[in-house]
Amino acid sequence: MASLSTNDQDGVLFVVSTPIGNLGDITVRAIDILRSVDLIACEDTRRSRVLLQRWDITSELMSLHRFSEKRKSQTILDRLKRGGKIALISDAGTPAVSDPGHRLVRIALEAGIRVSPIPGPSSITAALSASGIDCSSFVYLGFVPRKNDARRSFFHSLLVEDRTSIFFETPRRICVTLRIATQVLGAKPMVFFRELTKVHEEILFGSAEDILKILESRDTIKGEIIVVVEGGIEKTPAIDSDKAVKNLLKEGFSGKRLADEACKRFGVKKGEAYAKFLEIKNDKKG
C-alpha cells in the first residue's frame, strides 16, 4: 500500500479522478489513495461500489451528491480537522467539474485543510484530444440551455467565439439542439462524441446538419454526449435595426430581451432596437 506522504496528524482532502467508462482507466496512484483513506465521499454509492469492488477497495463510503453536499460538507470538514484522510470522487471523471464537490473543496481550503488533486480521466479533455480541432485555447460551456430561444442565443455566441467550444447535451434533446445549431452555425465544423471509452463509443465529424442526419435515422439515441465546435469568429452581416428586430420577432423574442439580443447579435443599439420593437408592435395593434 502506498504512503499518503503526509503527517498522520494532518487532515487531507484528496480529489480523485475515476474512469469515465472503462474501469481500467484508473491510475495506480488513485487506487493506492482510495485504498488508504478513511472515507470516500462519492455521488452514488451504488455506482462507486462497482469501481471499488473491481479494484478491491474497501474504504468507508459516504454519498455526497448535489442535494446533500451543503449539509454533509460540514461533517466531512469536521473529520478532516481531526486528521482524517478523505477522498472525493464523482460517478465518473474528475470531481467538482460539472459534478458535486466544489463546495466541499472550497470550505476545506478556507479552513486551511490540505487539498491534493489526484489527476486522471476527464471526459472534457478526452473529447478535445480526439476531436482533431485545435484546442490550444478552449471554453467549456456545460449543458446547452433547454429553451429554444436560449439555445439560439447560445449558438449565436459560438459564431463570435474565437476559442474551441465544448459542451454536453442529453440524448433526449440532442436532435432539437442540432436543428437549431444547423440554422445558426451552418457548415461550422463540430465533433460529436457518445459513450466515450465505453463499449458503444462513437465519434462523428462534420457540420451540425451532417451529424443530425445520422442521428435522426436511428430509432433511439443513448449514452452521454459531448460536442466540440471549432472556434473562429464569423462576422454577422451588417443588418439594419428594422430587419434585425423583425428577424428576432420571428424567433420569439420580445421587449428588452429582444433589444439585448439585437445588440449582442447584430450590433444594433438597445434603445434603437426597443423603439423599433414598440413601433412594430403598435403598428400591428392599429
Protein backbone atom coordinates (compact mmCIF):
# COMPACT_ATOMS: atom_id res chain seq x y z
CA MET A 1 0.00 0.00 0.00
CA ALA A 2 1.39 3.42 -0.97
CA SER A 3 2.07 6.00 1.73
CA LEU A 4 -0.14 9.08 1.85
CA SER A 5 3.05 11.11 2.25
CA THR A 6 1.67 13.46 4.90
CA ASN A 7 1.85 13.87 8.66
CA ASP A 8 -0.54 11.43 10.36
CA GLN A 9 -1.98 14.30 12.40
CA ASP A 10 -2.90 16.39 9.35
CA GLY A 11 -6.21 16.03 7.53
CA VAL A 12 -6.10 15.78 3.74
CA LEU A 13 -8.84 16.00 1.12
CA PHE A 14 -7.83 14.06 -1.99
CA VAL A 15 -9.74 15.00 -5.16
CA VAL A 16 -9.52 11.75 -7.12
CA SER A 17 -10.35 11.27 -10.81
CA THR A 18 -12.02 7.98 -11.69
CA PRO A 19 -12.84 6.30 -15.06
CA ILE A 20 -15.45 7.86 -17.32
CA GLY A 21 -16.47 4.43 -18.62
CA ASN A 22 -13.80 1.78 -18.92
CA LEU A 23 -12.90 0.68 -15.38
CA GLY A 24 -9.32 0.08 -16.48
CA ASP A 25 -8.80 3.81 -16.94
CA ILE A 26 -7.69 4.50 -13.39
CA THR A 27 -4.19 5.40 -12.24
CA VAL A 28 -2.11 3.29 -9.86
CA ARG A 29 -1.84 6.31 -7.56
CA ALA A 30 -5.63 6.74 -7.49
CA ILE A 31 -6.08 3.10 -6.46
CA ASP A 32 -3.47 3.45 -3.70
CA ILE A 33 -5.09 6.61 -2.34
CA LEU A 34 -8.61 5.13 -2.39
CA ARG A 35 -7.35 2.07 -0.51
CA SER A 36 -5.57 4.20 2.09
CA VAL A 37 -8.12 6.86 3.03
CA ASP A 38 -10.51 6.75 5.98
CA LEU A 39 -13.52 7.77 3.90
CA ILE A 40 -14.55 8.11 0.25
CA ALA A 41 -17.20 10.75 -0.50
CA CYS A 42 -19.00 9.87 -3.74
CA GLU A 43 -22.10 10.86 -5.72
CA ASP A 44 -23.83 7.48 -5.78
CA THR A 45 -22.58 4.68 -3.51
CA ARG A 46 -24.13 2.04 -5.78
CA ARG A 47 -22.20 3.20 -8.84
CA SER A 48 -18.97 3.77 -6.95
CA ARG A 49 -19.06 0.30 -5.38
CA VAL A 50 -18.78 -1.23 -8.86
CA LEU A 51 -15.42 0.52 -9.34
CA LEU A 52 -14.21 -0.11 -5.79
CA GLN A 53 -15.06 -3.82 -5.93
CA ARG A 54 -13.22 -4.11 -9.25
CA TRP A 55 -10.05 -2.86 -7.55
CA ASP A 56 -10.54 -4.47 -4.11
CA ILE A 57 -11.02 -1.14 -2.34
CA THR A 58 -12.83 -1.47 0.99
CA SER A 59 -12.66 2.09 2.41
CA GLU A 60 -15.80 3.52 4.01
CA LEU A 61 -18.23 5.20 1.59
CA MET A 62 -20.45 8.26 2.07
CA SER A 63 -22.80 9.71 -0.54
CA LEU A 64 -22.21 13.37 -1.42
CA HIS A 65 -24.45 14.50 -4.26
CA ARG A 66 -25.73 17.91 -5.29
CA PHE A 67 -28.70 17.70 -2.92
CA SER A 68 -26.67 16.70 0.13
CA GLU A 69 -23.34 18.46 -0.43
CA LYS A 70 -24.21 21.57 1.56
CA ARG A 71 -25.46 19.54 4.52
CA LYS A 72 -22.74 16.88 4.56
CA SER A 73 -19.72 19.05 3.77
CA GLN A 74 -19.51 20.28 7.37
CA THR A 75 -19.48 16.68 8.66
CA ILE A 76 -16.63 15.84 6.32
CA LEU A 77 -14.78 19.02 7.27
CA ASP A 78 -15.02 18.07 10.96
CA ARG A 79 -13.36 14.73 10.17
CA LEU A 80 -10.65 16.47 8.17
CA LYS A 81 -9.97 18.80 11.10
CA ARG A 82 -9.48 15.74 13.30
CA GLY A 83 -6.80 14.45 10.94
CA GLY A 84 -8.99 12.37 8.63
CA LYS A 85 -7.77 11.36 5.19
CA ILE A 86 -10.74 11.65 2.83
CA ALA A 87 -11.11 11.11 -0.91
CA LEU A 88 -13.68 12.91 -3.05
CA ILE A 89 -14.80 11.12 -6.23
CA SER A 90 -17.67 11.57 -8.68
CA ASP A 91 -19.64 8.97 -10.61
CA ALA A 92 -17.18 9.40 -13.49
CA GLY A 93 -14.22 11.57 -14.35
CA THR A 94 -12.86 14.48 -12.37
CA PRO A 95 -14.85 15.66 -9.30
CA ALA A 96 -16.13 19.23 -8.97
CA VAL A 97 -16.06 19.79 -12.76
CA SER A 98 -19.78 19.77 -13.67
CA ASP A 99 -20.14 17.39 -10.73
CA PRO A 100 -20.66 17.90 -6.99
CA GLY A 101 -17.64 18.68 -4.82
CA HIS A 102 -16.62 22.31 -5.34
CA ARG A 103 -18.39 23.40 -2.14
CA LEU A 104 -16.50 20.81 -0.08
CA VAL A 105 -13.19 21.74 -1.67
CA ARG A 106 -13.86 25.43 -1.04
CA ILE A 107 -14.61 25.09 2.66
CA ALA A 108 -11.61 22.77 3.11
CA LEU A 109 -9.33 25.37 1.55
CA GLU A 110 -10.90 28.15 3.64
CA ALA A 111 -10.28 26.07 6.77
CA GLY A 112 -6.63 25.60 5.88
CA ILE A 113 -7.01 21.89 5.11
CA ARG A 114 -4.60 20.44 2.60
CA VAL A 115 -6.31 19.63 -0.72
CA SER A 116 -4.47 17.30 -3.08
CA PRO A 117 -5.66 16.59 -6.66
CA ILE A 118 -5.09 13.06 -7.98
CA PRO A 119 -5.40 13.66 -11.74
CA GLY A 120 -6.76 11.20 -14.24
CA PRO A 121 -9.73 10.72 -16.59
CA SER A 122 -11.82 13.68 -17.76
CA SER A 123 -14.47 13.49 -20.46
CA ILE A 124 -13.71 17.08 -21.46
CA THR A 125 -10.02 16.58 -22.16
CA ALA A 126 -10.68 13.13 -23.66
CA ALA A 127 -13.09 14.65 -26.21
CA LEU A 128 -10.79 17.55 -27.03
CA SER A 129 -7.84 15.21 -27.58
CA ALA A 130 -9.80 13.10 -30.07
CA SER A 131 -11.54 15.98 -31.87
CA GLY A 132 -8.85 16.86 -34.38
CA ILE A 133 -9.65 20.50 -33.62
CA ASP A 134 -7.11 23.00 -32.32
CA CYS A 135 -7.73 23.16 -28.58
CA SER A 136 -4.76 25.29 -27.52
CA SER A 137 -7.48 27.62 -26.25
CA PHE A 138 -10.98 26.38 -25.43
CA VAL A 139 -14.08 27.21 -23.40
CA TYR A 140 -16.23 24.66 -21.57
CA LEU A 141 -19.92 25.64 -21.60
CA GLY A 142 -21.69 22.93 -19.58
CA PHE A 143 -25.10 21.83 -20.88
CA VAL A 144 -26.94 23.64 -23.69
CA PRO A 145 -29.94 25.70 -22.45
CA ARG A 146 -33.30 23.93 -22.63
CA LYS A 147 -35.47 26.67 -24.18
CA ASN A 148 -35.24 27.24 -27.91
CA ASP A 149 -34.63 30.99 -27.82
CA ALA A 150 -31.86 30.46 -25.26
CA ARG A 151 -30.41 27.73 -27.47
CA ARG A 152 -30.29 30.16 -30.40
CA SER A 153 -28.50 32.73 -28.29
CA PHE A 154 -26.12 30.01 -27.15
CA PHE A 155 -25.14 29.10 -30.70
CA HIS A 156 -25.01 32.71 -31.87
CA SER A 157 -22.41 33.28 -29.15
CA LEU A 158 -20.35 30.46 -30.72
CA LEU A 159 -20.31 32.37 -34.02
CA VAL A 160 -18.26 35.10 -32.35
CA GLU A 161 -16.18 32.75 -30.18
CA ASP A 162 -12.57 32.52 -31.31
CA ARG A 163 -11.82 29.60 -28.98
CA THR A 164 -12.84 25.99 -29.49
CA SER A 165 -16.09 25.31 -27.59
CA ILE A 166 -17.11 22.13 -25.80
CA PHE A 167 -20.48 21.33 -24.23
CA PHE A 168 -22.70 18.48 -23.01
CA GLU A 169 -26.17 17.50 -24.18
CA THR A 170 -28.68 14.78 -23.34
CA PRO A 171 -29.82 12.07 -25.79
CA ARG A 172 -33.42 13.30 -25.48
CA ARG A 173 -32.57 16.86 -26.52
CA ILE A 174 -29.65 16.38 -28.92
CA CYS A 175 -31.67 16.40 -32.16
CA VAL A 176 -33.57 19.58 -31.27
CA THR A 177 -30.28 21.19 -30.30
CA LEU A 178 -28.60 20.19 -33.56
CA ARG A 179 -31.51 21.52 -35.63
CA ILE A 180 -31.01 24.94 -34.08
CA ALA A 181 -27.24 24.61 -34.41
CA THR A 182 -27.73 23.88 -38.10
CA GLN A 183 -29.75 27.09 -38.55
CA VAL A 184 -27.22 29.22 -36.71
CA LEU A 185 -23.80 27.64 -37.27
CA GLY A 186 -24.24 26.45 -40.85
CA ALA A 187 -21.21 24.46 -42.02
CA LYS A 188 -19.07 25.24 -38.96
CA PRO A 189 -17.12 22.01 -38.13
CA MET A 190 -18.02 20.10 -34.99
CA VAL A 191 -17.34 16.69 -33.48
CA PHE A 192 -19.99 14.59 -31.72
CA PHE A 193 -18.90 12.12 -29.02
CA ARG A 194 -21.11 9.48 -27.43
CA GLU A 195 -20.24 6.94 -24.72
CA LEU A 196 -16.52 7.79 -24.62
CA THR A 197 -14.31 4.84 -23.52
CA LYS A 198 -17.33 2.52 -23.32
CA VAL A 199 -18.32 -0.45 -25.49
CA HIS A 200 -20.52 1.64 -27.82
CA GLU A 201 -18.14 4.59 -28.13
CA GLU A 202 -18.94 6.75 -31.16
CA ILE A 203 -17.29 9.79 -32.76
CA LEU A 204 -18.91 11.71 -35.64
CA PHE A 205 -17.27 14.60 -37.51
CA GLY A 206 -18.99 17.15 -39.75
CA SER A 207 -21.43 20.05 -39.63
CA ALA A 208 -24.41 20.08 -37.27
CA GLU A 209 -26.59 19.10 -40.23
CA ASP A 210 -24.34 16.16 -41.15
CA ILE A 211 -24.47 14.77 -37.62
CA LEU A 212 -28.20 15.45 -37.27
CA LYS A 213 -29.00 13.39 -40.38
CA ILE A 214 -27.18 10.39 -38.93
CA LEU A 215 -28.88 10.65 -35.54
CA GLU A 216 -32.37 11.22 -36.97
CA SER A 217 -32.08 7.96 -38.91
CA ARG A 218 -31.94 6.00 -35.64
CA ASP A 219 -34.79 4.68 -33.54
CA THR A 220 -33.11 5.67 -30.27
CA ILE A 221 -30.09 7.60 -29.05
CA LYS A 222 -28.49 6.56 -25.77
CA GLY A 223 -25.49 7.48 -23.69
CA GLU A 224 -23.54 10.50 -22.55
CA ILE A 225 -22.95 13.11 -25.25
CA ILE A 226 -20.23 15.72 -25.70
CA VAL A 227 -19.89 18.12 -28.64
CA VAL A 228 -16.79 20.07 -29.67
CA VAL A 229 -17.21 23.07 -32.03
CA GLU A 230 -14.33 24.63 -33.90
CA GLY A 231 -13.53 28.21 -32.94
CA GLY A 232 -13.08 31.16 -35.26
CA ILE A 233 -15.11 34.32 -35.42
CA GLU A 234 -17.76 34.51 -38.11
CA LYS A 235 -18.83 38.08 -38.59
CA THR A 236 -22.56 38.66 -38.76
CA PRO A 237 -23.50 40.52 -41.96
CA ALA A 238 -24.46 44.15 -41.45
CA ILE A 239 -28.18 44.49 -40.86
CA ASP A 240 -30.40 47.47 -40.13
CA SER A 241 -32.47 47.73 -36.98
CA ASP A 242 -35.78 47.08 -38.77
CA LYS A 243 -34.62 43.79 -40.25
CA ALA A 244 -32.85 42.75 -37.05
CA VAL A 245 -35.98 43.30 -34.94
CA LYS A 246 -38.24 41.52 -37.43
CA ASN A 247 -35.89 38.52 -37.52
CA LEU A 248 -35.84 38.32 -33.75
CA LEU A 249 -39.62 38.66 -33.51
CA LYS A 250 -39.92 35.61 -35.77
CA GLU A 251 -37.66 33.72 -33.35
CA GLY A 252 -39.98 34.58 -30.45
CA PHE A 253 -38.01 37.39 -28.81
CA SER A 254 -39.76 40.50 -27.49
CA GLY A 255 -39.27 43.54 -25.29
CA LYS A 256 -35.96 44.08 -23.51
CA ARG A 257 -34.74 40.58 -24.28
CA LEU A 258 -35.15 41.34 -27.97
CA ALA A 259 -33.19 44.59 -27.56
CA ASP A 260 -30.40 42.78 -25.73
CA GLU A 261 -30.24 40.10 -28.41
CA ALA A 262 -30.24 42.68 -31.24
CA CYS A 263 -27.30 44.43 -29.61
CA LYS A 264 -25.35 41.23 -28.98
CA ARG A 265 -26.04 39.57 -32.31
CA PHE A 266 -26.31 42.43 -34.79
CA GLY A 267 -24.65 45.38 -33.09
CA VAL A 268 -27.90 47.38 -33.04
CA LYS A 269 -28.16 49.82 -30.12
CA LYS A 270 -30.55 48.54 -27.44
CA GLY A 271 -32.58 51.75 -27.35
CA GLU A 272 -32.96 51.76 -31.12
CA ALA A 273 -33.98 48.09 -31.20
CA TYR A 274 -36.50 48.55 -28.39
CA ALA A 275 -38.02 51.59 -30.08
CA LYS A 276 -38.34 49.64 -33.32
CA PHE A 277 -39.96 46.77 -31.43
CA LEU A 278 -42.57 49.13 -29.93
CA GLU A 279 -43.17 50.69 -33.33
CA ILE A 280 -43.84 47.31 -34.95
CA LYS A 281 -45.97 46.22 -32.01
CA ASN A 282 -48.13 49.37 -32.21
CA ASP A 283 -48.49 49.06 -35.97
CA LYS A 284 -49.90 45.56 -35.51
CA LYS A 285 -52.42 46.83 -32.96
CA GLY A 286 -53.52 49.55 -35.34
